[in-house]
Every structure is written in structure tokens, then in C-alpha cells.
Amino acid sequence: MKEPQAKPTIDLEIQKIDGNIWKGKAFSVSAKNIHGEFDILPYHANFISILLEGPVVIREESGQTKKISLPRSVMHLKDNYIKIYSAI
């Protein structure tokens, strides 16, 4: 009998000038830019965007959903690692 495969995750780090707001693994991350709402899933293509003020929704590895309200921010995704720079 095969063991179940682990669901893929993406690494996420949300930073502000004086430190980290959140860091960990997520199943998905949702946010909003000038084109509307979007989702980032594991192994998404490299991506950069200016995020509008509002919630970033994180579907955590634990299965819980977390909403973090951020001011206008920059999201950078490269090699399955998202960094969000808040209040820059």
C-alpha cells in the first residue's frame, strides 16, 4: 500500500522594516493588485507585483486560514519562495 503524498507547499515570508510579520509554509496565498484578486499556489512561475492595501490570505500548512491586513506592499516570488515587503 502506498503512503499518501504530502500536499505541496510554498514558503512565505512577510516582512516590515522592523522585522517579520509571518513566516512559514502555505498551501496557497491570495492577495489583490491593480488587476484584481489572485492566488499563488506551490511551484507558480516567478512573479512580482505591487499589492493593494488589504488582506493577504494564507492557507497554512496546518490547514488553518490566516488573514493579515497590510498596507500597500511588494510581493516577490522566486523558486517557490514568496517574500512580501510591507509598508515600504
Protein backbone atom coordinates (compact mmCIF):
# COMPACT_ATOMS: atom_id res chain seq x y z
CA MET A 1 0.00 0.00 0.00
CA LYS A 2 1.36 3.40 -0.99
CA GLU A 3 1.80 6.11 1.61
CA PRO A 4 -0.15 9.29 0.84
CA GLN A 5 1.91 12.01 -0.79
CA ALA A 6 2.32 15.24 1.13
CA LYS A 7 0.42 18.19 -0.32
CA PRO A 8 2.90 20.66 -1.89
CA THR A 9 3.58 23.92 -0.07
CA ILE A 10 5.18 27.27 -0.81
CA ASP A 11 7.46 29.18 1.57
CA LEU A 12 6.19 32.60 2.60
CA GLU A 13 7.79 35.45 4.49
CA ILE A 14 6.02 38.74 5.22
CA GLN A 15 8.37 41.48 6.40
CA LYS A 16 8.16 45.06 7.52
CA ILE A 17 11.06 47.38 8.24
CA ASP A 18 11.48 46.28 11.86
CA GLY A 19 11.05 42.52 11.44
CA ASN A 20 8.96 39.59 10.29
CA ILE A 21 5.17 39.62 10.45
CA TRP A 22 4.72 35.99 9.38
CA LYS A 23 7.00 33.21 8.15
CA GLY A 24 6.19 29.62 7.28
CA LYS A 25 4.79 27.21 4.71
CA ALA A 26 1.46 27.62 2.97
CA PHE A 27 -0.75 25.69 0.57
CA SER A 28 -1.73 28.98 -1.13
CA VAL A 29 -1.54 32.75 -0.76
CA SER A 30 -4.20 35.18 -2.02
CA ALA A 31 -3.86 38.93 -2.44
CA LYS A 32 -5.03 41.83 -4.63
CA ASN A 33 -3.23 44.05 -7.13
CA ILE A 34 -4.50 46.63 -9.64
CA HIS A 35 -5.83 43.83 -11.88
CA GLY A 36 -7.87 42.21 -9.11
CA GLU A 37 -7.60 39.30 -6.71
CA PHE A 38 -5.20 36.46 -7.44
CA ASP A 39 -3.90 33.23 -5.89
CA ILE A 40 -0.38 31.86 -5.73
CA LEU A 41 -0.02 28.08 -5.49
CA PRO A 42 3.13 25.99 -4.99
CA TYR A 43 5.50 26.00 -7.97
CA HIS A 44 3.92 29.10 -9.51
CA ALA A 45 6.05 30.87 -12.12
CA ASN A 46 8.34 33.63 -10.85
CA PHE A 47 6.26 36.74 -10.19
CA ILE A 48 6.49 40.28 -8.82
CA SER A 49 3.61 42.64 -8.06
CA ILE A 50 2.61 45.68 -6.06
CA LEU A 51 -0.16 44.65 -3.68
CA LEU A 52 -3.01 46.98 -2.84
CA GLU A 53 -3.87 47.72 0.77
CA GLY A 54 -5.96 44.90 2.20
CA PRO A 55 -5.81 41.34 3.43
CA VAL A 56 -3.32 38.71 2.37
CA VAL A 57 -4.98 35.33 2.88
CA ILE A 58 -2.68 32.46 3.83
CA ARG A 59 -3.85 28.86 3.77
CA GLU A 60 -1.38 27.49 6.27
CA GLU A 61 0.26 24.07 6.23
CA SER A 62 -1.70 23.33 9.43
CA GLY A 63 -4.95 23.67 7.45
CA GLN A 64 -5.95 26.95 9.07
CA THR A 65 -6.62 30.14 7.12
CA LYS A 66 -4.99 33.36 8.30
CA LYS A 67 -5.78 36.89 7.08
CA ILE A 68 -3.17 39.59 7.56
CA SER A 69 -4.14 43.17 6.68
CA LEU A 70 -1.28 45.00 5.03
CA PRO A 71 -0.75 48.47 3.61
CA ARG A 72 0.44 48.74 0.03
CA SER A 73 3.25 46.17 -0.33
CA VAL A 74 5.53 44.43 -2.81
CA MET A 75 5.28 40.68 -3.44
CA HIS A 76 8.24 38.84 -4.94
CA LEU A 77 8.02 35.15 -5.83
CA LYS A 78 11.05 33.21 -6.99
CA ASP A 79 11.82 29.50 -6.80
CA ASN A 80 8.74 28.64 -4.71
CA TYR A 81 9.56 31.32 -2.10
CA ILE A 82 7.32 34.36 -1.64
CA LYS A 83 8.58 37.47 0.11
CA ILE A 84 6.17 40.30 0.83
CA TYR A 85 7.73 43.61 1.82
CA SER A 86 5.13 45.62 3.73
CA ALA A 87 4.96 49.36 4.36
CA ILE A 88 7.91 50.24 2.19
